[in-house]
Protein backbone atom coordinates (compact mmCIF):
# COMPACT_ATOMS: atom_id res chain seq x y z
CA MET A 1 9.38 4.79 -104.23
CA ASP A 2 6.87 2.54 -104.70
CA GLU A 3 8.30 -0.23 -102.43
CA PRO A 4 6.13 -1.33 -99.77
CA GLY A 5 9.05 -0.80 -97.07
CA PHE A 6 9.11 2.97 -98.03
CA GLN A 7 5.42 3.40 -97.75
CA SER A 8 5.20 1.69 -94.35
CA PHE A 9 8.08 3.65 -92.89
CA THR A 10 6.39 6.96 -94.25
CA LEU A 11 3.12 6.07 -92.59
CA PHE A 12 4.84 5.18 -89.11
CA ALA A 13 6.78 8.32 -89.49
CA ALA A 14 3.54 10.48 -90.16
CA LEU A 15 1.66 8.47 -87.32
CA ALA A 16 4.64 9.34 -84.84
CA GLY A 17 4.63 12.64 -85.85
CA GLY A 18 0.81 13.28 -85.34
CA MET A 19 1.26 11.37 -81.79
CA ALA A 20 4.10 13.94 -80.81
CA LEU A 21 2.03 16.78 -81.79
CA ILE A 22 -0.82 15.69 -79.96
CA TYR A 23 1.09 14.24 -76.89
CA ALA A 24 3.51 16.81 -76.02
CA PRO A 25 1.06 19.56 -75.60
CA LEU A 26 -1.30 17.49 -73.97
CA ARG A 27 1.27 16.21 -71.52
CA LEU A 28 2.48 19.77 -70.71
CA PHE A 29 -1.09 20.95 -70.01
CA LEU A 30 -1.74 17.94 -67.70
CA THR A 31 1.49 18.64 -65.99
CA ALA A 32 0.68 22.43 -65.27
CA THR A 33 -3.02 21.63 -64.23
CA GLU A 34 -1.99 18.71 -61.66
CA ARG A 35 1.00 21.21 -60.30
CA SER A 36 -1.50 24.07 -59.74
CA ARG A 37 -4.13 21.70 -58.10
CA ARG A 38 -1.23 20.30 -55.84
CA LEU A 39 -0.18 23.97 -54.94
CA ARG A 40 -4.01 24.96 -54.13
CA LEU A 41 -4.21 21.98 -51.98
CA LEU A 42 -0.98 22.55 -50.01
CA GLN A 43 -1.96 26.17 -49.43
CA ARG A 44 -5.26 25.16 -48.00
CA ILE A 45 -3.60 22.59 -45.76
CA ARG A 46 -1.32 25.58 -44.51
CA ARG A 47 -4.46 27.84 -43.96
CA LEU A 48 -6.26 25.04 -41.86
CA ARG A 49 -3.21 24.42 -39.87
CA ASP A 50 -2.46 28.16 -39.10
CA GLU A 51 -6.22 28.23 -37.99
CA LEU A 52 -6.05 25.30 -35.75
CA ASN A 53 -2.90 26.77 -34.03
CA GLN A 54 -4.68 29.92 -33.19
CA PRO A 55 -6.32 29.99 -29.61
CA LEU A 56 -9.86 30.03 -29.58
CA GLU A 57 -11.97 33.35 -28.82
CA ARG A 58 -14.59 33.35 -26.18
């Protein structure tokens, strides 16, 4: 177990595991916030379109 190949493999495996533990939740969070931002923008566009379709009141 003192081989350099085993140590480098262990190091790379640990780094990959650490990156996965950080990347996966971060990616999910960023995807969720982007979707909610896009949904709010679409709702705002729909509201504005509805307001523009209504006749003017005098």
